[in-house]
Protein backbone atom coordinates (compact mmCIF):
# COMPACT_ATOMS: atom_id res chain seq x y z
CA MET A 1 33.99 -23.65 -13.00
CA LEU A 2 31.09 -26.03 -14.32
CA GLY A 3 29.54 -24.98 -17.69
CA LEU A 4 26.38 -26.11 -19.53
CA GLU A 5 26.32 -24.69 -23.06
CA GLN A 6 23.45 -24.47 -25.73
CA ASP A 7 23.13 -22.71 -29.08
CA LYS A 8 22.18 -19.53 -27.76
CA SER A 9 23.03 -19.62 -23.99
CA LYS A 10 25.75 -20.83 -21.69
CA ILE A 11 25.53 -21.30 -17.83
CA ILE A 12 28.71 -21.20 -15.57
CA LEU A 13 28.87 -21.93 -11.98
CA HIS A 14 31.28 -19.43 -10.78
CA PRO A 15 33.20 -20.05 -7.39
CA GLU A 16 32.73 -16.33 -6.44
CA PHE A 17 29.73 -15.03 -8.19
CA GLY A 18 27.58 -17.98 -8.19
CA THR A 19 25.48 -18.65 -11.28
CA VAL A 20 26.59 -16.72 -14.38
CA LYS A 21 24.13 -16.97 -17.34
CA PHE A 22 25.47 -15.89 -20.75
CA ASN A 23 22.58 -15.23 -23.48
CA LYS A 24 23.35 -14.32 -27.02
CA ARG A 25 20.94 -11.68 -28.05
CA LYS A 26 19.98 -10.31 -31.67
CA GLY A 27 20.55 -6.59 -32.18
CA LEU A 28 23.22 -6.14 -29.40
CA ARG A 29 26.30 -4.14 -30.13
CA ARG A 30 28.10 -4.72 -26.80
CA ILE A 31 28.15 -6.96 -23.92
CA ASN A 32 25.89 -6.05 -21.04
CA ILE A 33 25.99 -7.44 -17.36
CA SER A 34 23.31 -7.35 -14.83
CA VAL A 35 23.60 -8.52 -11.24
CA LYS A 36 20.32 -10.26 -10.28
CA SER A 37 21.11 -11.41 -6.61
CA THR A 38 24.05 -12.17 -4.37
CA ASP A 39 24.56 -15.33 -6.43
CA GLU A 40 23.39 -14.65 -9.93
CA VAL A 41 24.82 -12.74 -12.79
CA ASN A 42 23.21 -12.42 -16.29
CA VAL A 43 25.47 -11.70 -19.17
CA SER A 44 23.82 -10.56 -22.69
CA LEU A 45 26.12 -10.58 -25.73
CA PRO A 46 25.99 -10.06 -29.50
CA TYR A 47 26.14 -13.29 -31.60
CA SER A 48 29.59 -12.13 -32.81
CA VAL A 49 31.16 -12.26 -29.54
CA SER A 50 32.29 -15.64 -28.24
CA TYR A 51 31.58 -16.96 -24.78
CA ASP A 52 35.34 -16.85 -24.12
CA GLU A 53 35.40 -13.10 -24.81
CA ALA A 54 32.22 -12.68 -22.82
CA ASN A 55 33.83 -14.52 -19.80
CA LYS A 56 36.97 -12.34 -20.05
CA PHE A 57 34.81 -9.30 -19.80
CA VAL A 58 33.06 -10.68 -16.70
CA ILE A 59 36.54 -11.09 -15.25
CA GLU A 60 37.35 -7.55 -16.01
CA LYS A 61 34.31 -6.29 -14.25
CA SER A 62 34.84 -8.54 -11.18
CA SER A 63 35.26 -5.55 -8.77
CA TRP A 64 32.06 -3.98 -9.79
CA ILE A 65 30.37 -7.33 -9.75
CA ARG A 66 31.45 -7.92 -6.20
CA LYS A 67 30.36 -4.44 -5.20
CA THR A 68 26.98 -4.76 -6.59
CA GLN A 69 26.39 -8.23 -4.98
CA ARG A 70 27.56 -6.83 -1.64
CA ASN A 71 24.90 -4.12 -2.13
CA PHE A 72 22.24 -6.71 -2.30
CA GLU A 73 23.21 -8.10 1.04
CA LYS A 74 22.51 -4.73 2.69
CA ILE A 75 18.89 -4.63 1.49
CA HIS A 76 16.45 -5.52 4.12
CA PRO A 77 12.75 -5.93 3.67
CA THR A 78 10.45 -3.25 4.85
CA PHE A 79 8.58 -4.19 7.98
CA PHE A 80 4.83 -3.57 7.82
CA ASP A 81 2.70 -2.99 11.00
CA LYS A 82 -0.20 -1.17 12.32
CA THR A 83 1.55 2.38 12.01
CA THR A 84 2.32 1.71 8.21
CA LEU A 85 0.93 4.04 5.68
CA PHE A 86 2.42 3.33 2.43
CA GLU A 87 1.56 5.82 -0.34
CA THR A 88 1.66 5.11 -4.07
CA HIS A 89 0.82 7.34 -7.03
CA SER A 90 -2.95 6.81 -6.52
CA HIS A 91 -3.51 5.07 -3.22
CA LYS A 92 -2.66 5.27 0.60
CA ILE A 93 -2.25 1.78 1.90
CA ARG A 94 -2.87 0.95 5.47
CA LEU A 95 -3.14 -2.28 7.56
CA LEU A 96 -6.24 -2.87 9.70
CA GLU A 97 -7.52 -5.80 11.89
CA HIS A 98 -10.67 -7.71 11.22
CA THR A 99 -12.41 -10.68 12.77
CA GLU A 100 -12.15 -12.96 9.73
CA ASN A 101 -9.17 -15.56 9.48
CA TYR A 102 -7.98 -14.36 6.05
CA VAL A 103 -6.42 -11.28 4.43
CA ARG A 104 -8.54 -9.20 2.16
CA ARG A 105 -8.12 -5.84 0.27
CA VAL A 106 -10.69 -3.20 -0.04
CA ILE A 107 -10.31 0.13 -1.86
CA THR A 108 -12.29 2.87 -0.39
CA ASP A 109 -13.91 6.03 -2.04
CA ASP A 110 -11.30 8.36 -0.41
CA GLY A 111 -8.21 6.66 -2.14
CA PHE A 112 -7.29 4.30 0.62
CA LEU A 113 -6.56 0.69 0.08
CA ASN A 114 -7.12 -1.19 3.26
CA ILE A 115 -5.34 -4.42 3.84
CA TYR A 116 -7.47 -6.39 6.53
CA TYR A 117 -5.60 -9.12 8.40
CA PRO A 118 -6.77 -11.58 11.09
CA GLN A 119 -7.22 -10.04 14.46
CA ASN A 120 -4.76 -11.46 17.18
CA SER A 121 -2.41 -12.73 14.51
CA ASP A 122 1.28 -12.35 14.55
CA ILE A 123 1.82 -9.26 12.08
CA SER A 124 5.66 -9.82 12.17
CA SER A 125 5.24 -13.37 10.77
CA PRO A 126 6.99 -13.86 7.42
CA LYS A 127 3.74 -15.41 5.96
CA LEU A 128 1.82 -12.06 6.74
CA GLN A 129 4.69 -9.81 5.82
CA ASN A 130 4.81 -11.56 2.52
CA ILE A 131 1.17 -11.18 1.91
CA PHE A 132 1.27 -7.45 2.66
CA ARG A 133 4.39 -6.97 0.45
CA GLN A 134 2.54 -8.84 -2.48
CA CYS A 135 -0.56 -6.83 -2.04
CA ILE A 136 1.56 -3.65 -2.52
CA LEU A 137 3.17 -4.92 -5.47
CA ASP A 138 -0.01 -5.83 -7.09
CA VAL A 139 -1.10 -2.13 -6.52
CA LEU A 140 1.96 -0.88 -7.93
CA PHE A 141 1.82 -3.08 -11.09
CA PHE A 142 -1.79 -1.93 -11.58
CA GLU A 143 -0.98 1.58 -11.26
CA ALA A 144 2.05 1.44 -13.54
CA LYS A 145 0.12 -0.52 -16.30
CA ASN A 146 -2.70 2.18 -16.25
CA TYR A 147 -0.38 5.33 -16.21
CA LEU A 148 3.16 4.80 -17.47
CA PRO A 149 2.40 3.67 -21.05
CA GLN A 150 0.14 6.62 -21.75
CA ARG A 151 2.57 8.90 -19.92
CA VAL A 152 5.69 7.71 -21.99
CA LYS A 153 3.67 8.31 -25.13
CA TYR A 154 2.49 11.93 -24.27
CA LEU A 155 5.92 13.00 -23.19
CA ALA A 156 7.44 11.28 -26.42
CA ASP A 157 4.99 13.10 -28.67
CA LYS A 158 5.50 16.33 -26.82
CA TYR A 159 9.36 16.43 -27.13
CA ASN A 160 9.55 14.48 -30.46
CA PHE A 161 11.22 11.42 -29.12
CA LYS A 162 10.87 8.08 -30.95
CA TYR A 163 10.96 4.75 -28.95
CA LYS A 164 9.91 1.16 -29.87
CA GLN A 165 8.50 -0.62 -26.78
CA MET A 166 7.86 0.12 -23.19
CA ARG A 167 8.01 -2.48 -20.49
CA ILE A 168 7.33 -2.37 -16.77
CA LYS A 169 9.61 -4.39 -14.48
CA ASN A 170 10.24 -4.85 -10.95
CA ASN A 171 13.96 -4.75 -10.22
CA LEU A 172 16.50 -3.98 -7.30
CA SER A 173 18.61 -1.43 -9.01
CA ASN A 174 17.80 1.21 -11.58
CA LEU A 175 14.74 3.27 -11.94
CA GLY A 176 14.85 2.93 -15.71
CA SER A 177 16.77 1.84 -18.65
CA CYS A 178 16.73 2.27 -22.48
CA SER A 179 18.35 -0.27 -24.87
CA TYR A 180 20.34 0.45 -27.91
CA GLN A 181 17.19 -0.48 -29.95
CA ASN A 182 15.21 2.21 -27.96
CA ASN A 183 13.12 -0.28 -25.91
CA ILE A 184 12.42 1.54 -22.63
CA ASN A 185 12.11 -0.33 -19.37
CA LEU A 186 10.71 1.40 -16.34
CA ASN A 187 10.70 0.06 -12.70
CA LEU A 188 7.29 -0.26 -11.40
CA HIS A 189 8.58 1.39 -8.05
CA ILE A 190 8.53 4.74 -9.65
CA MET A 191 4.77 4.69 -8.97
CA ARG A 192 6.01 5.84 -5.39
CA LEU A 193 7.59 9.13 -6.66
CA PRO A 194 6.08 12.56 -7.09
CA ASN A 195 4.72 13.27 -10.56
CA GLU A 196 7.60 15.54 -11.43
CA LEU A 197 10.18 12.65 -10.61
CA ILE A 198 8.14 10.11 -12.52
CA ASP A 199 8.28 12.55 -15.47
CA TYR A 200 12.07 12.98 -14.96
CA VAL A 201 12.66 9.27 -15.00
CA ILE A 202 10.64 8.97 -18.32
CA LEU A 203 12.41 11.81 -20.01
CA HIS A 204 15.75 10.47 -18.77
CA GLU A 205 15.14 7.30 -20.68
CA LEU A 206 13.63 9.00 -23.68
CA CYS A 207 16.71 11.23 -24.01
CA HIS A 208 18.75 7.98 -24.10
CA THR A 209 16.97 7.16 -27.54
CA VAL A 210 18.98 9.96 -28.93
CA GLU A 211 22.16 10.02 -26.51
CA LYS A 212 23.20 6.51 -25.50
CA ASN A 213 25.63 7.70 -22.60
CA HIS A 214 25.56 10.27 -19.94
CA GLY A 215 27.95 12.80 -21.49
CA GLU A 216 27.65 16.53 -21.94
CA ARG A 217 25.25 16.32 -24.78
CA PHE A 218 22.85 13.96 -22.87
CA TRP A 219 22.63 16.39 -20.03
CA LYS A 220 22.18 19.16 -22.32
CA LEU A 221 19.32 17.51 -23.95
CA LEU A 222 17.60 16.43 -20.63
CA ASP A 223 17.84 20.04 -19.42
CA SER A 224 15.90 21.15 -22.53
CA VAL A 225 13.08 18.97 -21.67
CA THR A 226 13.21 19.64 -17.77
CA GLU A 227 13.52 23.31 -17.59
CA ASN A 228 17.21 23.15 -16.82
CA LYS A 229 16.53 20.96 -13.75
CA ALA A 230 18.20 17.79 -15.00
CA ARG A 231 20.98 17.29 -12.28
CA GLU A 232 18.81 18.79 -9.61
CA LEU A 233 15.97 16.11 -10.47
CA SER A 234 18.50 13.35 -10.76
CA LYS A 235 19.74 14.00 -7.13
CA LEU A 236 16.35 13.98 -5.92
CA ALA A 237 15.44 10.80 -7.66
CA LYS A 238 18.68 8.95 -6.31
CA LYS A 239 17.79 9.98 -2.56
CA ILE A 240 14.23 8.33 -2.79
CA ASN A 241 14.30 4.64 -1.68
CA THR A 242 11.53 3.12 -3.75
CA ARG A 243 12.13 -0.43 -2.66
CA ILE A 244 9.63 -2.56 -0.44
CA ILE A 245 11.28 -6.04 -0.87
């Protein structure tokens, strides 16, 4: 394996996992591994942990890393065509032809976002598909930034939770996460969920500000703020594919 080491980071070219990036972070209590793609793994570690120790931990988690990377291979982009009606929290998105030679977006008074593309163009072309995808991501980011911060604050105040920061991310795996420093990350794709499930994801992460694992006390706490529907809502959230990559 080839390695490039700096004071706070180290990069290893692993023969099986591809690029493995090690980054030392302040405030961490344990090693965290995240799989970014079929050939990239990120490892965050406390300053007190050596790179050799972190690498041994990666080896111990080899089977999980391989399984997660294989899941990436199964993900295929959504194909958009004339029949597409893509719903977000506040908009219904549809594709329409026009006579111009460019793509443009128009938001209508009745809540539609129309994406107009050139008439007689090949809608299946990677270029157009990528434009459609980026248009939808832009809408999701816009909605998430305008809705999620205030909703997190409202639910935290309502149930007396304390958190530090809230960030919006576009990722492939979890719908949300909570760090040991009580920073909450939310996947922008939850803007495609019904309101009840958006609240569930937020409350799930807020409960992690108190209980850091998924033990019995965590589920009891989550039940107390979801009218005893924690596991029911968890199953519903897991069934919904929020990806549009």
